[in-house]
């Protein structure tokens, strides 16, 4: 006898009313909770709406703050559901953003077989500092490529039991985690503390992240590094 198909969800008559009420509640409470962190988004959003240039990233820039909140929630949900699988893998790779490079266009990153890597050209560069932490855990780091799914798939061919840590802004971190899922790799992430790349600034400037949060993720997975034990 053929098994009955499993119905994963069923939409009832009042589903949309419940969804509407739930969404309004989440948006209201969330935007109130993060009012300090999101206080400049409205002004930037309105500025982009009056920008008549034909720049290719205009749609991306024209993102209302409600979607920042949704992407932040999406990221946090990924953190919850990926955590166990992330910690069970053998290898971890850091995916690093260009915008954190202190040297900008003068960065001396070097192309390796699996991607571009930090050469530690600037002692005060945040990328350098992150990689010093990564070294303690035997973790590699590669600068992010536009075709992120392909990049992760290529790394996975070399490291079969792979997890990744992405560092990115609110509007791209969850997207990167979706790309990792598409590549069959569990991921965790850490946000940039602020934006500074060409999408958001007329004169781009170097961004930062919470390096201790990156280290906390690695310590949770691997324990204390040998040098600290």
C-alpha atoms as a PDB file:
ATOM      1  CA  UNK A   1       0.000   0.000   0.000  1.00  0.00           C
ATOM      2  CA  UNK A   2       1.356   3.393  -0.984  1.00  0.00           C
ATOM      3  CA  UNK A   3       2.085   5.719   1.893  1.00  0.00           C
ATOM      4  CA  UNK A   4       0.021   8.850   2.149  1.00  0.00           C
ATOM      5  CA  UNK A   5       1.977  11.997   1.349  1.00  0.00           C
ATOM      6  CA  UNK A   6       2.997  14.096   4.326  1.00  0.00           C
ATOM      7  CA  UNK A   7       1.396  17.526   4.168  1.00  0.00           C
ATOM      8  CA  UNK A   8       3.997  19.883   5.559  1.00  0.00           C
ATOM      9  CA  UNK A   9       1.591  22.751   6.212  1.00  0.00           C
ATOM     10  CA  UNK A  10      -2.045  23.605   5.666  1.00  0.00           C
ATOM     11  CA  UNK A  11      -3.399  27.123   5.281  1.00  0.00           C
ATOM     12  CA  UNK A  12      -6.620  27.663   7.237  1.00  0.00           C
ATOM     13  CA  UNK A  13      -9.159  30.427   6.704  1.00  0.00           C
ATOM     14  CA  UNK A  14      -7.714  32.595   9.475  1.00  0.00           C
ATOM     15  CA  UNK A  15      -4.041  32.077   8.577  1.00  0.00           C
ATOM     16  CA  UNK A  16      -3.646  35.466   6.893  1.00  0.00           C
ATOM     17  CA  UNK A  17      -5.293  37.297   9.770  1.00  0.00           C
ATOM     18  CA  UNK A  18      -2.948  35.602  12.248  1.00  0.00           C
ATOM     19  CA  UNK A  19       0.060  36.273  10.029  1.00  0.00           C
ATOM     20  CA  UNK A  20      -0.901  39.927   9.662  1.00  0.00           C
ATOM     21  CA  UNK A  21      -1.302  40.388  13.416  1.00  0.00           C
ATOM     22  CA  UNK A  22       1.942  38.533  14.165  1.00  0.00           C
ATOM     23  CA  UNK A  23       3.941  40.531  11.603  1.00  0.00           C
ATOM     24  CA  UNK A  24       2.632  43.869  12.848  1.00  0.00           C
ATOM     25  CA  UNK A  25       3.549  42.890  16.407  1.00  0.00           C
ATOM     26  CA  UNK A  26       7.062  41.758  15.459  1.00  0.00           C
ATOM     27  CA  UNK A  27       7.764  44.874  13.380  1.00  0.00           C
ATOM     28  CA  UNK A  28       6.414  47.242  16.017  1.00  0.00           C
ATOM     29  CA  UNK A  29       8.274  45.652  18.917  1.00  0.00           C
ATOM     30  CA  UNK A  30      11.431  44.963  16.907  1.00  0.00           C
ATOM     31  CA  UNK A  31      11.834  48.463  15.507  1.00  0.00           C
ATOM     32  CA  UNK A  32      11.192  49.887  18.953  1.00  0.00           C
ATOM     33  CA  UNK A  33      13.765  47.550  20.513  1.00  0.00           C
ATOM     34  CA  UNK A  34      16.435  48.362  17.913  1.00  0.00           C
ATOM     35  CA  UNK A  35      15.565  52.041  17.523  1.00  0.00           C
ATOM     36  CA  UNK A  36      19.084  53.126  18.482  1.00  0.00           C
ATOM     37  CA  UNK A  37      20.821  50.706  16.101  1.00  0.00           C
ATOM     38  CA  UNK A  38      18.470  51.534  13.208  1.00  0.00           C
ATOM     39  CA  UNK A  39      18.063  55.272  13.807  1.00  0.00           C
ATOM     40  CA  UNK A  40      19.896  56.380  10.621  1.00  0.00           C
ATOM     41  CA  UNK A  41      18.267  53.960   8.188  1.00  0.00           C
ATOM     42  CA  UNK A  42      15.214  56.093   7.390  1.00  0.00           C
ATOM     43  CA  UNK A  43      17.314  59.121   6.424  1.00  0.00           C
ATOM     44  CA  UNK A  44      19.571  57.003   4.212  1.00  0.00           C
ATOM     45  CA  UNK A  45      16.560  55.285   2.625  1.00  0.00           C
ATOM     46  CA  UNK A  46      14.908  58.619   1.790  1.00  0.00           C
ATOM     47  CA  UNK A  47      18.186  59.885   0.343  1.00  0.00           C
ATOM     48  CA  UNK A  48      18.387  56.904  -2.016  1.00  0.00           C
ATOM     49  CA  UNK A  49      14.819  57.462  -3.180  1.00  0.00           C
ATOM     50  CA  UNK A  50      15.812  60.945  -4.385  1.00  0.00           C
ATOM     51  CA  UNK A  51      18.966  59.650  -6.076  1.00  0.00           C
ATOM     52  CA  UNK A  52      18.328  59.660  -9.827  1.00  0.00           C
ATOM     53  CA  UNK A  53      21.648  58.122 -10.823  1.00  0.00           C
ATOM     54  CA  UNK A  54      21.755  54.825 -12.682  1.00  0.00           C
ATOM     55  CA  UNK A  55      24.042  53.034 -10.243  1.00  0.00           C
ATOM     56  CA  UNK A  56      23.655  49.251 -10.359  1.00  0.00           C
ATOM     57  CA  UNK A  57      23.213  48.839  -6.594  1.00  0.00           C
ATOM     58  CA  UNK A  58      20.337  51.289  -6.278  1.00  0.00           C
ATOM     59  CA  UNK A  59      17.689  48.661  -5.520  1.00  0.00           C
ATOM     60  CA  UNK A  60      19.899  47.178  -2.825  1.00  0.00           C
ATOM     61  CA  UNK A  61      20.438  50.600  -1.258  1.00  0.00           C
ATOM     62  CA  UNK A  62      16.707  51.325  -1.340  1.00  0.00           C
ATOM     63  CA  UNK A  63      15.933  48.890   1.463  1.00  0.00           C
ATOM     64  CA  UNK A  64      13.487  50.058   4.174  1.00  0.00           C
ATOM     65  CA  UNK A  65      14.371  49.413   7.791  1.00  0.00           C
ATOM     66  CA  UNK A  66      11.633  46.795   8.190  1.00  0.00           C
ATOM     67  CA  UNK A  67      13.675  44.516   5.917  1.00  0.00           C
ATOM     68  CA  UNK A  68      16.812  45.125   7.981  1.00  0.00           C
ATOM     69  CA  UNK A  69      14.878  43.722  10.922  1.00  0.00           C
ATOM     70  CA  UNK A  70      13.595  40.742   8.921  1.00  0.00           C
ATOM     71  CA  UNK A  71      17.122  39.905   7.732  1.00  0.00           C
ATOM     72  CA  UNK A  72      18.420  40.177  11.304  1.00  0.00           C
ATOM     73  CA  UNK A  73      15.736  37.747  12.481  1.00  0.00           C
ATOM     74  CA  UNK A  74      16.552  35.410   9.599  1.00  0.00           C
ATOM     75  CA  UNK A  75      20.215  35.464  10.650  1.00  0.00           C
ATOM     76  CA  UNK A  76      19.352  34.666  14.257  1.00  0.00           C
ATOM     77  CA  UNK A  77      17.108  31.755  13.248  1.00  0.00           C
ATOM     78  CA  UNK A  78      19.968  30.358  11.164  1.00  0.00           C
ATOM     79  CA  UNK A  79      22.199  30.674  14.228  1.00  0.00           C
ATOM     80  CA  UNK A  80      19.750  28.540  16.204  1.00  0.00           C
ATOM     81  CA  UNK A  81      19.207  25.804  13.641  1.00  0.00           C
ATOM     82  CA  UNK A  82      22.825  25.579  12.400  1.00  0.00           C
ATOM     83  CA  UNK A  83      24.624  25.516  15.726  1.00  0.00           C
ATOM     84  CA  UNK A  84      24.745  21.765  16.395  1.00  0.00           C
ATOM     85  CA  UNK A  85      25.650  20.826  12.825  1.00  0.00           C
ATOM     86  CA  UNK A  86      28.290  23.584  12.754  1.00  0.00           C
ATOM     87  CA  UNK A  87      29.968  22.287  15.911  1.00  0.00           C
ATOM     88  CA  UNK A  88      30.017  18.677  14.667  1.00  0.00           C
ATOM     89  CA  UNK A  89      32.071  19.396  11.539  1.00  0.00           C
ATOM     90  CA  UNK A  90      35.826  18.956  11.519  1.00  0.00           C
ATOM     91  CA  UNK A  91      36.918  22.023   9.556  1.00  0.00           C
ATOM     92  CA  UNK A  92      35.916  25.671   9.711  1.00  0.00           C
ATOM     93  CA  UNK A  93      36.619  28.436   7.220  1.00  0.00           C
ATOM     94  CA  UNK A  94      36.180  32.172   7.685  1.00  0.00           C
ATOM     95  CA  UNK A  95      34.603  34.148   4.822  1.00  0.00           C
ATOM     96  CA  UNK A  96      36.008  37.667   5.075  1.00  0.00           C
ATOM     97  CA  UNK A  97      34.588  40.937   3.665  1.00  0.00           C
ATOM     98  CA  UNK A  98      36.683  43.308   1.560  1.00  0.00           C
ATOM     99  CA  UNK A  99      35.411  46.313   3.495  1.00  0.00           C
ATOM    100  CA  UNK A 100      37.328  45.329   6.643  1.00  0.00           C
ATOM    101  CA  UNK A 101      40.689  45.588   4.919  1.00  0.00           C
ATOM    102  CA  UNK A 102      42.552  48.559   6.386  1.00  0.00           C
ATOM    103  CA  UNK A 103      44.662  48.971   3.251  1.00  0.00           C
ATOM    104  CA  UNK A 104      41.729  49.029   0.819  1.00  0.00           C
ATOM    105  CA  UNK A 105      42.970  48.858  -2.764  1.00  0.00           C
ATOM    106  CA  UNK A 106      46.526  48.537  -1.470  1.00  0.00           C
ATOM    107  CA  UNK A 107      45.743  45.338   0.431  1.00  0.00           C
ATOM    108  CA  UNK A 108      48.424  42.750  -0.327  1.00  0.00           C
ATOM    109  CA  UNK A 109      46.102  39.734  -0.215  1.00  0.00           C
ATOM    110  CA  UNK A 110      47.387  36.778  -2.197  1.00  0.00           C
ATOM    111  CA  UNK A 111      45.537  34.423  -4.530  1.00  0.00           C
ATOM    112  CA  UNK A 112      45.689  30.817  -3.362  1.00  0.00           C
ATOM    113  CA  UNK A 113      44.050  27.734  -4.824  1.00  0.00           C
ATOM    114  CA  UNK A 114      40.827  28.160  -2.810  1.00  0.00           C
ATOM    115  CA  UNK A 115      40.682  31.950  -2.805  1.00  0.00           C
ATOM    116  CA  UNK A 116      42.447  35.129  -1.764  1.00  0.00           C
ATOM    117  CA  UNK A 117      44.026  35.141   1.688  1.00  0.00           C
ATOM    118  CA  UNK A 118      45.356  37.755   4.096  1.00  0.00           C
ATOM    119  CA  UNK A 119      49.153  38.192   3.984  1.00  0.00           C
ATOM    120  CA  UNK A 120      49.251  40.147   7.281  1.00  0.00           C
ATOM    121  CA  UNK A 121      50.504  43.269   5.480  1.00  0.00           C
ATOM    122  CA  UNK A 122      49.099  45.696   8.083  1.00  0.00           C
ATOM    123  CA  UNK A 123      49.434  44.920  11.837  1.00  0.00           C
ATOM    124  CA  UNK A 124      46.432  47.101  12.770  1.00  0.00           C
ATOM    125  CA  UNK A 125      44.107  45.660  10.121  1.00  0.00           C
ATOM    126  CA  UNK A 126      41.051  43.886  11.565  1.00  0.00           C
ATOM    127  CA  UNK A 127      41.435  41.103   8.995  1.00  0.00           C
ATOM    128  CA  UNK A 128      44.953  40.493  10.275  1.00  0.00           C
ATOM    129  CA  UNK A 129      43.692  40.420  13.880  1.00  0.00           C
ATOM    130  CA  UNK A 130      40.911  37.975  13.021  1.00  0.00           C
ATOM    131  CA  UNK A 131      43.344  35.676  11.244  1.00  0.00           C
ATOM    132  CA  UNK A 132      45.628  35.738  14.291  1.00  0.00           C
ATOM    133  CA  UNK A 133      42.672  34.349  16.242  1.00  0.00           C
ATOM    134  CA  UNK A 134      41.913  31.840  13.475  1.00  0.00           C
ATOM    135  CA  UNK A 135      45.523  30.633  13.530  1.00  0.00           C
ATOM    136  CA  UNK A 136      45.123  29.493  17.133  1.00  0.00           C
ATOM    137  CA  UNK A 137      42.369  27.103  16.018  1.00  0.00           C
ATOM    138  CA  UNK A 138      43.924  26.011  12.723  1.00  0.00           C
ATOM    139  CA  UNK A 139      41.189  27.796  10.760  1.00  0.00           C
ATOM    140  CA  UNK A 140      41.663  29.215   7.259  1.00  0.00           C
ATOM    141  CA  UNK A 141      40.140  32.455   6.000  1.00  0.00           C
ATOM    142  CA  UNK A 142      39.295  33.575   2.474  1.00  0.00           C
ATOM    143  CA  UNK A 143      38.010  36.875   1.140  1.00  0.00           C
ATOM    144  CA  UNK A 144      34.435  36.573  -0.065  1.00  0.00           C
ATOM    145  CA  UNK A 145      33.603  36.262  -3.761  1.00  0.00           C
ATOM    146  CA  UNK A 146      30.434  37.445  -5.475  1.00  0.00           C
ATOM    147  CA  UNK A 147      29.482  33.867  -6.373  1.00  0.00           C
ATOM    148  CA  UNK A 148      29.565  32.748  -2.773  1.00  0.00           C
ATOM    149  CA  UNK A 149      27.809  29.404  -3.235  1.00  0.00           C
ATOM    150  CA  UNK A 150      30.388  28.365  -5.840  1.00  0.00           C
ATOM    151  CA  UNK A 151      33.213  29.528  -3.585  1.00  0.00           C
ATOM    152  CA  UNK A 152      31.957  27.442  -0.655  1.00  0.00           C
ATOM    153  CA  UNK A 153      31.343  24.419  -2.876  1.00  0.00           C
ATOM    154  CA  UNK A 154      34.921  24.636  -4.129  1.00  0.00           C
ATOM    155  CA  UNK A 155      36.297  24.777  -0.581  1.00  0.00           C
ATOM    156  CA  UNK A 156      34.057  21.849   0.392  1.00  0.00           C
ATOM    157  CA  UNK A 157      35.711  19.661  -2.227  1.00  0.00           C
ATOM    158  CA  UNK A 158      38.950  20.052  -0.263  1.00  0.00           C
ATOM    159  CA  UNK A 159      37.418  19.966   3.213  1.00  0.00           C
ATOM    160  CA  UNK A 160      34.640  17.379   3.255  1.00  0.00           C
ATOM    161  CA  UNK A 161      33.509  18.061   6.831  1.00  0.00           C
ATOM    162  CA  UNK A 162      33.147  21.837   6.501  1.00  0.00           C
ATOM    163  CA  UNK A 163      31.453  24.701   8.288  1.00  0.00           C
ATOM    164  CA  UNK A 164      31.836  28.421   7.601  1.00  0.00           C
ATOM    165  CA  UNK A 165      31.738  31.628   9.602  1.00  0.00           C
ATOM    166  CA  UNK A 166      30.659  34.642   7.579  1.00  0.00           C
ATOM    167  CA  UNK A 167      31.288  38.266   8.500  1.00  0.00           C
ATOM    168  CA  UNK A 168      29.019  40.751   6.791  1.00  0.00           C
ATOM    169  CA  UNK A 169      26.446  43.521   7.174  1.00  0.00           C
ATOM    170  CA  UNK A 170      22.801  43.076   8.151  1.00  0.00           C
ATOM    171  CA  UNK A 171      21.516  42.974   4.581  1.00  0.00           C
ATOM    172  CA  UNK A 172      23.996  40.367   3.343  1.00  0.00           C
ATOM    173  CA  UNK A 173      24.853  38.029   6.223  1.00  0.00           C
ATOM    174  CA  UNK A 174      21.626  35.994   6.159  1.00  0.00           C
ATOM    175  CA  UNK A 175      21.878  35.878   2.372  1.00  0.00           C
ATOM    176  CA  UNK A 176      25.373  34.446   2.717  1.00  0.00           C
ATOM    177  CA  UNK A 177      24.101  31.862   5.181  1.00  0.00           C
ATOM    178  CA  UNK A 178      21.438  30.880   2.652  1.00  0.00           C
ATOM    179  CA  UNK A 179      24.231  30.452   0.080  1.00  0.00           C
ATOM    180  CA  UNK A 180      26.095  28.209   2.505  1.00  0.00           C
ATOM    181  CA  UNK A 181      22.954  26.129   3.011  1.00  0.00           C
ATOM    182  CA  UNK A 182      22.626  25.851  -0.769  1.00  0.00           C
ATOM    183  CA  UNK A 183      26.190  24.496  -0.808  1.00  0.00           C
ATOM    184  CA  UNK A 184      25.287  21.977   1.901  1.00  0.00           C
ATOM    185  CA  UNK A 185      27.472  23.634   4.546  1.00  0.00           C
ATOM    186  CA  UNK A 186      26.346  24.719   8.042  1.00  0.00           C
ATOM    187  CA  UNK A 187      27.198  28.307   8.845  1.00  0.00           C
ATOM    188  CA  UNK A 188      27.327  30.842  11.612  1.00  0.00           C
ATOM    189  CA  UNK A 189      27.986  34.532  11.325  1.00  0.00           C
ATOM    190  CA  UNK A 190      29.065  37.777  12.927  1.00  0.00           C
ATOM    191  CA  UNK A 191      27.841  41.207  11.897  1.00  0.00           C
ATOM    192  CA  UNK A 192      29.941  44.174  10.928  1.00  0.00           C
ATOM    193  CA  UNK A 193      29.590  46.877  13.577  1.00  0.00           C
ATOM    194  CA  UNK A 194      28.674  49.421  10.896  1.00  0.00           C
ATOM    195  CA  UNK A 195      28.677  49.840   7.133  1.00  0.00           C
ATOM    196  CA  UNK A 196      31.425  51.625   5.228  1.00  0.00           C
ATOM    197  CA  UNK A 197      31.649  50.146   1.726  1.00  0.00           C
ATOM    198  CA  UNK A 198      30.775  51.842  -1.553  1.00  0.00           C
ATOM    199  CA  UNK A 199      27.113  50.819  -1.292  1.00  0.00           C
ATOM    200  CA  UNK A 200      26.606  53.080   1.719  1.00  0.00           C
ATOM    201  CA  UNK A 201      29.369  55.697   1.653  1.00  0.00           C
ATOM    202  CA  UNK A 202      30.394  58.147  -1.076  1.00  0.00           C
ATOM    203  CA  UNK A 203      33.930  57.807   0.284  1.00  0.00           C
ATOM    204  CA  UNK A 204      34.247  54.215   1.562  1.00  0.00           C
ATOM    205  CA  UNK A 205      35.975  53.653   4.892  1.00  0.00           C
ATOM    206  CA  UNK A 206      37.157  50.604   6.797  1.00  0.00           C
ATOM    207  CA  UNK A 207      34.590  48.636   8.785  1.00  0.00           C
ATOM    208  CA  UNK A 208      34.988  46.590  11.961  1.00  0.00           C
ATOM    209  CA  UNK A 209      33.463  43.563  13.666  1.00  0.00           C
ATOM    210  CA  UNK A 210      33.428  42.031  17.149  1.00  0.00           C
ATOM    211  CA  UNK A 211      36.502  39.811  16.946  1.00  0.00           C
ATOM    212  CA  UNK A 212      35.804  38.350  20.379  1.00  0.00           C
ATOM    213  CA  UNK A 213      32.496  37.020  19.046  1.00  0.00           C
ATOM    214  CA  UNK A 214      34.338  35.228  16.229  1.00  0.00           C
ATOM    215  CA  UNK A 215      36.671  33.729  18.824  1.00  0.00           C
ATOM    216  CA  UNK A 216      33.741  32.696  21.036  1.00  0.00           C
ATOM    217  CA  UNK A 217      32.222  30.713  18.141  1.00  0.00           C
ATOM    218  CA  UNK A 218      35.538  28.944  17.538  1.00  0.00           C
ATOM    219  CA  UNK A 219      36.095  28.267  21.227  1.00  0.00           C
ATOM    220  CA  UNK A 220      32.596  26.792  21.547  1.00  0.00           C
ATOM    221  CA  UNK A 221      33.394  24.404  18.713  1.00  0.00           C
ATOM    222  CA  UNK A 222      37.002  23.470  19.449  1.00  0.00           C
ATOM    223  CA  UNK A 223      37.520  24.365  23.103  1.00  0.00           C
ATOM    224  CA  UNK A 224      40.406  26.500  24.287  1.00  0.00           C
ATOM    225  CA  UNK A 225      43.372  26.565  21.885  1.00  0.00           C
ATOM    226  CA  UNK A 226      46.463  24.636  23.008  1.00  0.00           C
ATOM    227  CA  UNK A 227      48.349  27.831  23.754  1.00  0.00           C
ATOM    228  CA  UNK A 228      45.684  28.841  26.288  1.00  0.00           C
ATOM    229  CA  UNK A 229      45.166  25.460  27.942  1.00  0.00           C
END
